[in-house]
Amino acid sequence: MRTPLQSMRDHSFTLVELLVVIAIIGLLAALLAPGLKGARDKARQVQCMNNLRQIGHAMSMYQNDNNGFYPLAMELVSGVYRYRWMWRLRSYVSYRNNLFACPLNPNRPIVAVAFADDMDYPNSNYGYNFRYLSLDYNGGKKPDEIVGYPNLIACTDASSANVSWSIMVWKDPTPDYIYAPGSWHLLGANVLYVDGHVKWSLTSALRGVTAPNWGDGY
């Protein structure tokens, strides 16, 4: 008659079997990790696109209250030019929902600074097409003044590591240009267009003197 201890020994794993199981688990983890990361990055890209849609809604409400004009990029306040387009949207967006932070951009802005009344350089991961939508310090454009509406860029992911400079964006081809579009999403950027729709584009297609949909800024 077999004892319980003998039965346990017959069903226990050998060292080799344990190593094989561990190796299989490691292999499965290695195979699954890229897919899990891809799914996580995709979810963050969707969150980023939702941020831009909300910014687009805020701009639309701002226009309704300001005779159709887009917000000024900069204002002369007490003799100092301040970057204020986000500040002008403060009445239309939530103060604490990280709306101006792309979840894949490692350079996170300070949320409160985006809405500070006395800040010369607020914080954002998204840049405003300042050279076209707000070329004049005295006023932004209206939709009927925009050439290429509705396919003109309003905002997009910005590349700058300095979240204070990221608030403006333009098509300059220089790779390290502080106002260049970013590439946080599979070598591309999420883009908000003036009619409110948002889509992804390759960053390479957004940069350079021949890049379309930026308008005729200086």
Foldseek 3Di string as FASTA:
>chain_A
DDDPVVVVVVPDDDPVRVVVVVVVVVVVCVVCVVVVVVVVLVVLQVVLQVLLLQVLVLQVVLCVVPVQAGAAQWAQDPNAIAGCNLLSSVVRDDQPPQSQARPLQPLRFDSNQSNDPPDRFGFGQKAALNLQQHVDNVTGDGPVVFPPPQQAFGMKGFQASPRRLQHHAAQEQDPHPRRAHHQRRPQWMWTATNVSHIDIDHSVLSHDPPRPRSGDGD
